[in-house]
Amino acid sequence: MKTAVLRFLVRWYQASDQPLPPWLDRATRHDPCLSATRAEEELLTSHLRAHPAAPGIEASPFLKSKVLHALARESAGQDRTRSARWIMPSAAVAGALALGLLLAATWLSRGPNPPGVSTPSALAAALPSPGPAPAVAAAQPVPDAWSNPLDDEMDKVVADARGAVRFLASAFLPSESLDRLQARKTSG
């Protein structure tokens, strides 16, 4: 790894026409691989300097204007992408903030239920309607054996969750942990 880095540095200094630093010069004298790399790079540099460019080739008179136009177009495109980079996140934040404010305003604008009215349907029944008032029959009393269906559903969900935990414990925990789990369940 060190030799690869040193070979890279030798090539870089040779390509940049800078003299090697003293520590790298010493390393190239002591390591035959580095000295071979240095010799290859010096040979390449000498070949490149020996064959100058043909003087008969001229650049197009429009080259400067084409390059400047391309640079101006690219910088304008970069300015648009920089501004577009902030538009979408800003719009998302503004939209989320507006939605949050709308929900908060809706939630806070709800007034408290009048006394004796506990549900929105009861509130709708208690408010006067624009049409003729329907005949209201007396409410039937709730039987004593009545149970809330949501409580029954919650009991079923909890029982399913316990069954799933028992299955996972029996499948993945050692038997001692399962025994402790069962003992804790029966003791508490």
N, C-alpha and C. Protein backbone atom coordinates (compact mmCIF):
# COMPACT_ATOMS: atom_id res chain seq x y z
N MET A 1 0.84 -1.19 0.00
CA MET A 1 0.00 0.00 0.00
C MET A 1 0.87 1.24 0.00
N LYS A 2 1.93 1.23 0.80
CA LYS A 2 2.81 2.39 0.89
C LYS A 2 3.51 2.61 -0.45
N THR A 3 3.92 1.52 -1.10
CA THR A 3 4.61 1.64 -2.39
C THR A 3 3.67 2.21 -3.44
N ALA A 4 2.41 1.80 -3.42
CA ALA A 4 1.45 2.32 -4.39
C ALA A 4 1.25 3.82 -4.21
N VAL A 5 1.20 4.27 -2.97
CA VAL A 5 1.05 5.70 -2.71
C VAL A 5 2.29 6.45 -3.17
N LEU A 6 3.46 5.89 -2.88
CA LEU A 6 4.70 6.55 -3.29
C LEU A 6 4.81 6.59 -4.82
N ARG A 7 4.38 5.52 -5.51
CA ARG A 7 4.39 5.52 -6.98
C ARG A 7 3.46 6.61 -7.51
N PHE A 8 2.31 6.76 -6.89
CA PHE A 8 1.39 7.82 -7.29
C PHE A 8 2.04 9.19 -7.11
N LEU A 9 2.70 9.39 -5.98
CA LEU A 9 3.35 10.69 -5.73
C LEU A 9 4.45 10.96 -6.74
N VAL A 10 5.24 9.94 -7.09
CA VAL A 10 6.31 10.12 -8.08
C VAL A 10 5.69 10.55 -9.41
N ARG A 11 4.62 9.89 -9.82
CA ARG A 11 3.96 10.24 -11.08
C ARG A 11 3.37 11.64 -11.04
N TRP A 12 2.80 12.00 -9.89
CA TRP A 12 2.20 13.32 -9.76
C TRP A 12 3.26 14.41 -9.86
N TYR A 13 4.38 14.25 -9.16
CA TYR A 13 5.45 15.25 -9.22
C TYR A 13 6.05 15.32 -10.62
N GLN A 14 6.19 14.19 -11.30
CA GLN A 14 6.74 14.20 -12.65
C GLN A 14 5.78 14.89 -13.62
N ALA A 15 4.48 14.65 -13.48
CA ALA A 15 3.50 15.27 -14.37
C ALA A 15 3.38 16.76 -14.13
N SER A 16 3.60 17.20 -12.90
CA SER A 16 3.47 18.62 -12.59
C SER A 16 4.77 19.38 -12.81
N ASP A 17 5.81 18.70 -13.27
CA ASP A 17 7.12 19.31 -13.53
C ASP A 17 7.72 19.95 -12.28
N GLN A 18 7.40 19.42 -11.12
CA GLN A 18 8.00 19.90 -9.88
C GLN A 18 9.07 18.90 -9.47
N PRO A 19 10.12 19.38 -8.83
CA PRO A 19 11.15 18.44 -8.37
C PRO A 19 10.61 17.59 -7.22
N LEU A 20 11.09 16.37 -7.13
CA LEU A 20 10.66 15.49 -6.04
C LEU A 20 11.15 16.05 -4.72
N PRO A 21 10.36 15.95 -3.67
CA PRO A 21 10.85 16.37 -2.36
C PRO A 21 11.99 15.44 -1.94
N PRO A 22 12.85 15.91 -1.05
CA PRO A 22 14.03 15.11 -0.67
C PRO A 22 13.67 13.73 -0.13
N TRP A 23 12.63 13.61 0.66
CA TRP A 23 12.28 12.31 1.23
C TRP A 23 11.81 11.33 0.15
N LEU A 24 11.11 11.85 -0.88
CA LEU A 24 10.65 10.98 -1.97
C LEU A 24 11.81 10.62 -2.89
N ASP A 25 12.76 11.56 -3.07
CA ASP A 25 13.94 11.27 -3.87
C ASP A 25 14.77 10.16 -3.23
N ARG A 26 14.92 10.22 -1.89
CA ARG A 26 15.65 9.16 -1.18
C ARG A 26 14.93 7.82 -1.31
N ALA A 27 13.59 7.84 -1.23
CA ALA A 27 12.82 6.60 -1.34
C ALA A 27 12.96 6.00 -2.73
N THR A 28 13.03 6.83 -3.77
CA THR A 28 13.19 6.28 -5.12
C THR A 28 14.58 5.70 -5.34
N ARG A 29 15.59 6.25 -4.65
CA ARG A 29 16.94 5.69 -4.79
C ARG A 29 17.06 4.35 -4.08
N HIS A 30 16.31 4.13 -3.01
CA HIS A 30 16.43 2.90 -2.23
C HIS A 30 15.50 1.78 -2.72
N ASP A 31 14.40 2.13 -3.37
CA ASP A 31 13.44 1.12 -3.81
C ASP A 31 13.52 0.96 -5.33
N PRO A 32 13.83 -0.25 -5.82
CA PRO A 32 13.97 -0.43 -7.28
C PRO A 32 12.64 -0.22 -8.03
N CYS A 33 11.51 -0.55 -7.41
CA CYS A 33 10.20 -0.36 -8.04
C CYS A 33 9.94 1.13 -8.25
N LEU A 34 10.24 1.93 -7.24
CA LEU A 34 10.04 3.37 -7.34
C LEU A 34 11.00 3.99 -8.34
N SER A 35 12.24 3.51 -8.38
CA SER A 35 13.20 4.07 -9.33
C SER A 35 12.78 3.72 -10.76
N ALA A 36 12.21 2.53 -10.98
CA ALA A 36 11.72 2.17 -12.32
C ALA A 36 10.55 3.07 -12.71
N THR A 37 9.66 3.35 -11.77
CA THR A 37 8.53 4.24 -12.03
C THR A 37 9.02 5.63 -12.38
N ARG A 38 10.02 6.10 -11.65
CA ARG A 38 10.57 7.43 -11.91
C ARG A 38 11.20 7.47 -13.30
N ALA A 39 11.92 6.43 -13.68
CA ALA A 39 12.56 6.39 -15.00
C ALA A 39 11.50 6.37 -16.10
N GLU A 40 10.43 5.61 -15.92
CA GLU A 40 9.34 5.57 -16.91
C GLU A 40 8.71 6.94 -17.08
N GLU A 41 8.48 7.61 -15.96
CA GLU A 41 7.84 8.92 -16.02
C GLU A 41 8.77 9.95 -16.65
N GLU A 42 10.07 9.88 -16.38
CA GLU A 42 11.02 10.82 -17.00
C GLU A 42 11.09 10.58 -18.50
N LEU A 43 11.03 9.29 -18.92
CA LEU A 43 11.04 8.97 -20.34
C LEU A 43 9.79 9.51 -21.02
N LEU A 44 8.65 9.35 -20.41
CA LEU A 44 7.39 9.85 -20.96
C LEU A 44 7.43 11.37 -21.07
N THR A 45 7.91 12.04 -20.04
CA THR A 45 8.00 13.50 -20.06
C THR A 45 8.92 13.97 -21.17
N SER A 46 10.06 13.29 -21.34
CA SER A 46 11.00 13.71 -22.39
C SER A 46 10.40 13.49 -23.78
N HIS A 47 9.64 12.41 -23.99
CA HIS A 47 8.99 12.19 -25.28
C HIS A 47 7.93 13.25 -25.54
N LEU A 48 7.20 13.62 -24.54
CA LEU A 48 6.17 14.65 -24.73
C LEU A 48 6.79 16.00 -25.04
N ARG A 49 7.92 16.32 -24.43
CA ARG A 49 8.58 17.60 -24.70
C ARG A 49 9.28 17.59 -26.05
N ALA A 50 9.70 16.44 -26.54
CA ALA A 50 10.44 16.35 -27.80
C ALA A 50 9.55 16.60 -29.01
N HIS A 51 8.26 16.31 -28.91
CA HIS A 51 7.36 16.48 -30.03
C HIS A 51 6.38 17.61 -29.75
N PRO A 52 6.77 18.85 -30.08
CA PRO A 52 5.84 19.96 -29.83
C PRO A 52 4.67 19.90 -30.80
N ALA A 53 3.63 20.61 -30.48
CA ALA A 53 2.43 20.65 -31.31
C ALA A 53 2.75 21.29 -32.64
N ALA A 54 2.05 20.85 -33.66
CA ALA A 54 2.26 21.41 -35.01
C ALA A 54 1.81 22.85 -35.02
N PRO A 55 2.65 23.76 -35.54
CA PRO A 55 2.31 25.18 -35.51
C PRO A 55 1.21 25.55 -36.50
N GLY A 56 0.89 24.75 -37.45
CA GLY A 56 -0.09 25.09 -38.46
C GLY A 56 -1.53 24.97 -38.00
N ILE A 57 -1.77 24.42 -36.81
CA ILE A 57 -3.15 24.23 -36.34
C ILE A 57 -3.57 25.47 -35.55
N GLU A 58 -4.64 26.10 -36.02
CA GLU A 58 -5.15 27.28 -35.32
C GLU A 58 -6.52 26.96 -34.73
N ALA A 59 -6.79 27.59 -33.63
CA ALA A 59 -8.09 27.42 -32.99
C ALA A 59 -9.13 28.19 -33.78
N SER A 60 -10.37 27.73 -33.70
CA SER A 60 -11.46 28.40 -34.38
C SER A 60 -11.63 29.80 -33.80
N PRO A 61 -11.94 30.80 -34.62
CA PRO A 61 -12.13 32.15 -34.07
C PRO A 61 -13.39 32.23 -33.19
N PHE A 62 -14.28 31.25 -33.30
CA PHE A 62 -15.50 31.26 -32.50
C PHE A 62 -15.36 30.43 -31.23
N LEU A 63 -14.18 29.84 -31.01
CA LEU A 63 -13.99 28.96 -29.86
C LEU A 63 -14.21 29.70 -28.55
N LYS A 64 -13.65 30.89 -28.43
CA LYS A 64 -13.79 31.65 -27.19
C LYS A 64 -15.26 31.96 -26.89
N SER A 65 -16.01 32.39 -27.88
CA SER A 65 -17.41 32.74 -27.63
C SER A 65 -18.23 31.48 -27.31
N LYS A 66 -17.91 30.33 -27.95
CA LYS A 66 -18.62 29.09 -27.65
C LYS A 66 -18.36 28.64 -26.22
N VAL A 67 -17.11 28.74 -25.79
CA VAL A 67 -16.76 28.32 -24.43
C VAL A 67 -17.44 29.22 -23.41
N LEU A 68 -17.39 30.54 -23.64
CA LEU A 68 -18.02 31.47 -22.71
C LEU A 68 -19.53 31.28 -22.67
N HIS A 69 -20.14 31.01 -23.83
CA HIS A 69 -21.59 30.77 -23.87
C HIS A 69 -21.94 29.50 -23.09
N ALA A 70 -21.14 28.45 -23.28
CA ALA A 70 -21.40 27.19 -22.57
C ALA A 70 -21.25 27.37 -21.06
N LEU A 71 -20.23 28.13 -20.66
CA LEU A 71 -20.04 28.38 -19.22
C LEU A 71 -21.19 29.20 -18.64
N ALA A 72 -21.64 30.20 -19.38
CA ALA A 72 -22.76 31.02 -18.90
C ALA A 72 -24.02 30.18 -18.79
N ARG A 73 -24.28 29.31 -19.79
CA ARG A 73 -25.46 28.46 -19.76
C ARG A 73 -25.40 27.48 -18.58
N GLU A 74 -24.21 26.92 -18.35
CA GLU A 74 -24.06 25.97 -17.24
C GLU A 74 -24.24 26.66 -15.89
N SER A 75 -23.68 27.86 -15.73
CA SER A 75 -23.83 28.55 -14.45
C SER A 75 -25.28 28.96 -14.22
N ALA A 76 -26.00 29.32 -15.29
CA ALA A 76 -27.42 29.65 -15.14
C ALA A 76 -28.20 28.41 -14.73
N GLY A 77 -27.85 27.26 -15.32
CA GLY A 77 -28.52 26.01 -14.95
C GLY A 77 -28.24 25.63 -13.51
N GLN A 78 -27.01 25.90 -13.06
CA GLN A 78 -26.68 25.60 -11.67
C GLN A 78 -27.44 26.52 -10.72
N ASP A 79 -27.63 27.78 -11.10
CA ASP A 79 -28.41 28.69 -10.25
C ASP A 79 -29.84 28.20 -10.14
N ARG A 80 -30.42 27.70 -11.27
CA ARG A 80 -31.79 27.19 -11.21
C ARG A 80 -31.87 25.95 -10.34
N THR A 81 -30.88 25.07 -10.45
CA THR A 81 -30.93 23.86 -9.64
C THR A 81 -30.73 24.18 -8.17
N ARG A 82 -29.92 25.19 -7.88
CA ARG A 82 -29.75 25.58 -6.47
C ARG A 82 -31.06 26.09 -5.89
N SER A 83 -31.75 26.93 -6.67
CA SER A 83 -33.02 27.46 -6.16
C SER A 83 -34.08 26.35 -6.12
N ALA A 84 -34.07 25.44 -7.11
CA ALA A 84 -35.04 24.35 -7.12
C ALA A 84 -34.77 23.38 -5.99
N ARG A 85 -33.53 23.30 -5.56
CA ARG A 85 -33.19 22.41 -4.46
C ARG A 85 -33.89 22.84 -3.17
N TRP A 86 -34.20 24.12 -3.03
CA TRP A 86 -34.86 24.61 -1.81
C TRP A 86 -36.37 24.73 -1.97
N ILE A 87 -36.87 24.72 -3.20
CA ILE A 87 -38.31 24.93 -3.40
C ILE A 87 -39.12 23.76 -2.86
N MET A 88 -38.76 22.53 -3.22
CA MET A 88 -39.55 21.37 -2.81
C MET A 88 -39.56 21.17 -1.28
N PRO A 89 -38.40 21.19 -0.62
CA PRO A 89 -38.47 21.03 0.85
C PRO A 89 -39.23 22.17 1.52
N SER A 90 -39.06 23.39 1.01
CA SER A 90 -39.77 24.53 1.61
C SER A 90 -41.27 24.38 1.40
N ALA A 91 -41.67 23.93 0.22
CA ALA A 91 -43.09 23.74 -0.03
C ALA A 91 -43.66 22.62 0.84
N ALA A 92 -42.87 21.56 1.04
CA ALA A 92 -43.34 20.46 1.89
C ALA A 92 -43.51 20.93 3.33
N VAL A 93 -42.56 21.70 3.83
CA VAL A 93 -42.66 22.21 5.20
C VAL A 93 -43.85 23.16 5.32
N ALA A 94 -44.03 24.04 4.33
CA ALA A 94 -45.15 24.98 4.38
C ALA A 94 -46.48 24.22 4.33
N GLY A 95 -46.57 23.21 3.48
CA GLY A 95 -47.80 22.41 3.40
C GLY A 95 -48.11 21.69 4.69
N ALA A 96 -47.07 21.09 5.29
CA ALA A 96 -47.27 20.39 6.56
C ALA A 96 -47.69 21.36 7.66
N LEU A 97 -47.08 22.54 7.66
CA LEU A 97 -47.44 23.54 8.66
C LEU A 97 -48.88 24.01 8.45
N ALA A 98 -49.28 24.23 7.19
CA ALA A 98 -50.66 24.66 6.92
C ALA A 98 -51.65 23.57 7.32
N LEU A 99 -51.33 22.32 7.02
CA LEU A 99 -52.21 21.22 7.40
C LEU A 99 -52.32 21.12 8.92
N GLY A 100 -51.20 21.28 9.61
CA GLY A 100 -51.23 21.24 11.08
C GLY A 100 -52.06 22.37 11.66
N LEU A 101 -51.91 23.57 11.09
CA LEU A 101 -52.71 24.69 11.58
C LEU A 101 -54.20 24.49 11.30
N LEU A 102 -54.51 23.92 10.13
CA LEU A 102 -55.90 23.66 9.80
C LEU A 102 -56.51 22.65 10.76
N LEU A 103 -55.77 21.57 11.03
CA LEU A 103 -56.27 20.58 11.98
C LEU A 103 -56.41 21.15 13.39
N ALA A 104 -55.44 21.96 13.81
CA ALA A 104 -55.52 22.56 15.14
C ALA A 104 -56.71 23.52 15.23
N ALA A 105 -56.92 24.31 14.17
CA ALA A 105 -58.05 25.24 14.19
C ALA A 105 -59.38 24.48 14.23
N THR A 106 -59.46 23.41 13.46
CA THR A 106 -60.69 22.60 13.47
C THR A 106 -60.92 21.97 14.83
N TRP A 107 -59.86 21.44 15.41
CA TRP A 107 -59.98 20.77 16.71
C TRP A 107 -60.33 21.76 17.81
N LEU A 108 -59.68 22.94 17.79
CA LEU A 108 -59.92 23.92 18.85
C LEU A 108 -61.24 24.66 18.67
N SER A 109 -61.79 24.69 17.44
CA SER A 109 -63.05 25.40 17.24
C SER A 109 -64.25 24.60 17.73
N ARG A 110 -64.03 23.34 18.03
CA ARG A 110 -65.13 22.54 18.59
C ARG A 110 -65.48 23.09 19.97
N GLY A 111 -66.72 23.33 20.16
CA GLY A 111 -67.16 23.78 21.47
C GLY A 111 -67.43 22.58 22.37
N PRO A 112 -67.48 22.80 23.65
CA PRO A 112 -67.80 21.68 24.54
C PRO A 112 -69.26 21.26 24.32
N ASN A 113 -69.52 19.98 24.54
CA ASN A 113 -70.89 19.48 24.40
C ASN A 113 -71.78 20.10 25.48
N PRO A 114 -73.02 20.41 25.14
CA PRO A 114 -73.92 20.95 26.16
C PRO A 114 -74.14 19.90 27.26
N PRO A 115 -74.51 20.33 28.44
CA PRO A 115 -74.72 19.37 29.52
C PRO A 115 -75.79 18.36 29.15
N GLY A 116 -75.53 17.11 29.44
CA GLY A 116 -76.47 16.04 29.17
C GLY A 116 -76.31 15.44 27.79
N VAL A 117 -75.41 15.97 26.95
CA VAL A 117 -75.19 15.45 25.60
C VAL A 117 -73.77 14.91 25.56
N SER A 118 -73.63 13.61 25.31
CA SER A 118 -72.30 13.03 25.37
C SER A 118 -71.75 12.63 24.02
N THR A 119 -72.55 12.50 22.99
CA THR A 119 -72.04 12.07 21.69
C THR A 119 -72.47 13.05 20.62
N PRO A 120 -71.76 13.08 19.48
CA PRO A 120 -72.16 13.99 18.41
C PRO A 120 -73.54 13.67 17.83
N SER A 121 -73.93 12.40 17.80
CA SER A 121 -75.27 12.08 17.28
C SER A 121 -76.34 12.60 18.24
N ALA A 122 -76.07 12.54 19.53
CA ALA A 122 -77.02 13.08 20.49
C ALA A 122 -77.08 14.60 20.38
N LEU A 123 -75.90 15.20 20.05
CA LEU A 123 -75.88 16.65 19.87
C LEU A 123 -76.70 17.03 18.64
N ALA A 124 -76.57 16.25 17.55
CA ALA A 124 -77.34 16.53 16.34
C ALA A 124 -78.83 16.39 16.61
N ALA A 125 -79.18 15.40 17.44
CA ALA A 125 -80.59 15.21 17.77
C ALA A 125 -81.11 16.34 18.64
N ALA A 126 -80.22 16.93 19.48
CA ALA A 126 -80.66 17.97 20.40
C ALA A 126 -80.79 19.32 19.72
N LEU A 127 -80.05 19.54 18.63
CA LEU A 127 -80.10 20.84 17.96
C LEU A 127 -81.37 20.92 17.11
N PRO A 128 -81.92 22.12 16.98
CA PRO A 128 -83.13 22.25 16.15
C PRO A 128 -82.77 22.06 14.69
N SER A 129 -83.65 21.37 13.97
CA SER A 129 -83.42 21.15 12.54
C SER A 129 -84.27 22.14 11.76
N PRO A 130 -83.88 22.43 10.52
CA PRO A 130 -84.65 23.41 9.75
C PRO A 130 -86.04 22.91 9.37
N GLY A 131 -86.24 21.61 9.29
CA GLY A 131 -87.54 21.07 8.91
C GLY A 131 -88.41 20.85 10.14
N PRO A 132 -89.52 20.17 9.94
CA PRO A 132 -90.40 19.88 11.08
C PRO A 132 -89.70 18.92 12.03
N ALA A 133 -89.92 19.12 13.30
CA ALA A 133 -89.28 18.29 14.32
C ALA A 133 -89.89 16.90 14.31
N PRO A 134 -89.04 15.86 14.26
CA PRO A 134 -89.58 14.50 14.27
C PRO A 134 -90.09 14.15 15.66
N ALA A 135 -90.98 13.21 15.65
CA ALA A 135 -91.52 12.76 16.93
C ALA A 135 -90.44 11.94 17.62
N VAL A 136 -90.15 12.28 18.86
CA VAL A 136 -89.10 11.59 19.61
C VAL A 136 -89.75 10.64 20.59
N ALA A 137 -89.36 9.39 20.48
CA ALA A 137 -89.89 8.40 21.41
C ALA A 137 -88.99 8.38 22.64
N ALA A 138 -89.53 7.94 23.73
CA ALA A 138 -88.74 7.87 24.95
C ALA A 138 -87.66 6.80 24.79
N ALA A 139 -86.48 7.09 25.30
CA ALA A 139 -85.36 6.15 25.18
C ALA A 139 -85.62 4.94 26.05
N GLN A 140 -85.25 3.79 25.52
CA GLN A 140 -85.45 2.57 26.28
C GLN A 140 -84.33 2.42 27.29
N PRO A 141 -84.61 1.89 28.44
CA PRO A 141 -83.55 1.73 29.43
C PRO A 141 -82.53 0.68 28.98
N VAL A 142 -81.29 0.86 29.40
CA VAL A 142 -80.22 -0.08 29.05
C VAL A 142 -80.31 -1.27 29.99
N PRO A 143 -80.32 -2.51 29.45
CA PRO A 143 -80.40 -3.68 30.33
C PRO A 143 -79.14 -3.81 31.18
N ASP A 144 -79.27 -4.45 32.34
CA ASP A 144 -78.14 -4.60 33.26
C ASP A 144 -77.07 -5.54 32.69
N ALA A 145 -77.42 -6.46 31.85
CA ALA A 145 -76.46 -7.43 31.32
C ALA A 145 -75.74 -6.89 30.07
N TRP A 146 -75.96 -5.65 29.72
CA TRP A 146 -75.35 -5.09 28.52
C TRP A 146 -73.86 -4.89 28.73
N SER A 147 -73.06 -5.24 27.71
CA SER A 147 -71.62 -4.98 27.79
C SER A 147 -71.22 -4.22 26.53
N ASN A 148 -70.22 -3.41 26.69
CA ASN A 148 -69.73 -2.59 25.59
C ASN A 148 -69.02 -3.48 24.57
N PRO A 149 -69.39 -3.47 23.31
CA PRO A 149 -68.72 -4.32 22.31
C PRO A 149 -67.25 -3.96 22.13
N LEU A 150 -66.88 -2.72 22.37
CA LEU A 150 -65.47 -2.34 22.23
C LEU A 150 -64.63 -2.98 23.34
N ASP A 151 -65.20 -3.11 24.52
CA ASP A 151 -64.47 -3.79 25.60
C ASP A 151 -64.24 -5.26 25.23
N ASP A 152 -65.26 -5.89 24.67
CA ASP A 152 -65.10 -7.29 24.24
C ASP A 152 -64.01 -7.41 23.18
N GLU A 153 -64.01 -6.47 22.23
CA GLU A 153 -63.00 -6.52 21.16
C GLU A 153 -61.59 -6.30 21.72
N MET A 154 -61.45 -5.39 22.67
CA MET A 154 -60.14 -5.16 23.29
C MET A 154 -59.66 -6.40 24.04
N ASP A 155 -60.59 -7.09 24.73
CA ASP A 155 -60.21 -8.33 25.41
C ASP A 155 -59.71 -9.36 24.41
N LYS A 156 -60.35 -9.45 23.24
CA LYS A 156 -59.91 -10.40 22.22
C LYS A 156 -58.54 -10.03 21.66
N VAL A 157 -58.30 -8.74 21.46
CA VAL A 157 -56.99 -8.30 20.95
C VAL A 157 -55.89 -8.62 21.95
N VAL A 158 -56.15 -8.35 23.23
CA VAL A 158 -55.14 -8.64 24.26
C VAL A 158 -54.88 -10.15 24.34
N ALA A 159 -55.93 -10.95 24.24
CA ALA A 159 -55.75 -12.40 24.28
C ALA A 159 -54.94 -12.88 23.07
N ASP A 160 -55.20 -12.32 21.88
CA ASP A 160 -54.41 -12.68 20.71
C ASP A 160 -52.95 -12.29 20.88
N ALA A 161 -52.70 -11.11 21.45
CA ALA A 161 -51.32 -10.66 21.66
C ALA A 161 -50.59 -11.57 22.65
N ARG A 162 -51.28 -11.97 23.70
CA ARG A 162 -50.66 -12.89 24.66
C ARG A 162 -50.35 -14.23 24.01
N GLY A 163 -51.26 -14.72 23.18
CA GLY A 163 -51.01 -15.98 22.47
C GLY A 163 -49.80 -15.87 21.55
N ALA A 164 -49.67 -14.73 20.88
CA ALA A 164 -48.52 -14.53 19.99
C ALA A 164 -47.23 -14.48 20.78
N VAL A 165 -47.25 -13.81 21.93
CA VAL A 165 -46.04 -13.75 22.78
C VAL A 165 -45.68 -15.14 23.28
N ARG A 166 -46.68 -15.92 23.67
CA ARG A 166 -46.40 -17.29 24.12
C ARG A 166 -45.80 -18.12 23.00
N PHE A 167 -46.34 -18.00 21.80
CA PHE A 167 -45.80 -18.75 20.67
C PHE A 167 -44.36 -18.35 20.39
N LEU A 168 -44.09 -17.04 20.34
CA LEU A 168 -42.72 -16.58 20.07
C LEU A 168 -41.77 -17.03 21.17
N ALA A 169 -42.23 -17.00 22.42
CA ALA A 169 -41.38 -17.43 23.53
C ALA A 169 -41.09 -18.92 23.43
N SER A 170 -42.07 -19.70 23.06
CA SER A 170 -41.84 -21.14 22.97
C SER A 170 -40.96 -21.49 21.77
N ALA A 171 -41.03 -20.67 20.73
CA ALA A 171 -40.25 -20.96 19.52
C ALA A 171 -38.82 -20.47 19.62
N PHE A 172 -38.56 -19.38 20.32
CA PHE A 172 -37.25 -18.75 20.26
C PHE A 172 -36.50 -18.67 21.58
N LEU A 173 -37.16 -18.85 22.71
CA LEU A 173 -36.49 -18.75 24.00
C LEU A 173 -36.18 -20.14 24.52
N PRO A 174 -35.11 -20.26 25.31
CA PRO A 174 -34.84 -21.56 25.94
C PRO A 174 -35.99 -21.95 26.87
N SER A 175 -36.09 -23.22 27.17
CA SER A 175 -37.23 -23.70 27.95
C SER A 175 -37.25 -23.11 29.35
N GLU A 176 -36.08 -22.78 29.93
CA GLU A 176 -36.07 -22.18 31.28
C GLU A 176 -36.76 -20.82 31.26
N SER A 177 -36.53 -20.03 30.20
CA SER A 177 -37.16 -18.71 30.11
C SER A 177 -38.66 -18.86 29.97
N LEU A 178 -39.10 -19.86 29.22
CA LEU A 178 -40.53 -20.10 29.06
C LEU A 178 -41.17 -20.49 30.38
N ASP A 179 -40.46 -21.32 31.17
CA ASP A 179 -40.99 -21.69 32.49
C ASP A 179 -41.11 -20.47 33.39
N ARG A 180 -40.10 -19.58 33.34
CA ARG A 180 -40.17 -18.36 34.15
C ARG A 180 -41.32 -17.47 33.70
N LEU A 181 -41.55 -17.40 32.39
CA LEU A 181 -42.64 -16.58 31.86
C LEU A 181 -43.98 -17.13 32.33
N GLN A 182 -44.14 -18.44 32.30
CA GLN A 182 -45.39 -19.06 32.73
C GLN A 182 -45.58 -18.88 34.23
N ALA A 183 -44.48 -18.99 35.00
CA ALA A 183 -44.59 -18.81 36.46
C ALA A 183 -44.96 -17.38 36.80
N ARG A 184 -44.40 -16.41 36.08
CA ARG A 184 -44.70 -15.01 36.34
C ARG A 184 -46.15 -14.72 35.99
N LYS A 185 -46.65 -15.36 34.92
CA LYS A 185 -48.02 -15.12 34.49
C LYS A 185 -49.02 -15.67 35.52
N THR A 186 -48.72 -16.85 36.05
CA THR A 186 -49.66 -17.44 37.01
C THR A 186 -49.55 -16.79 38.38
N SER A 187 -48.37 -16.23 38.71
CA SER A 187 -48.22 -15.64 40.04
C SER A 187 -48.82 -14.23 40.10
N GLY A 188 -48.88 -13.52 38.99
CA GLY A 188 -49.34 -12.14 39.01
C GLY A 188 -50.69 -12.02 38.57
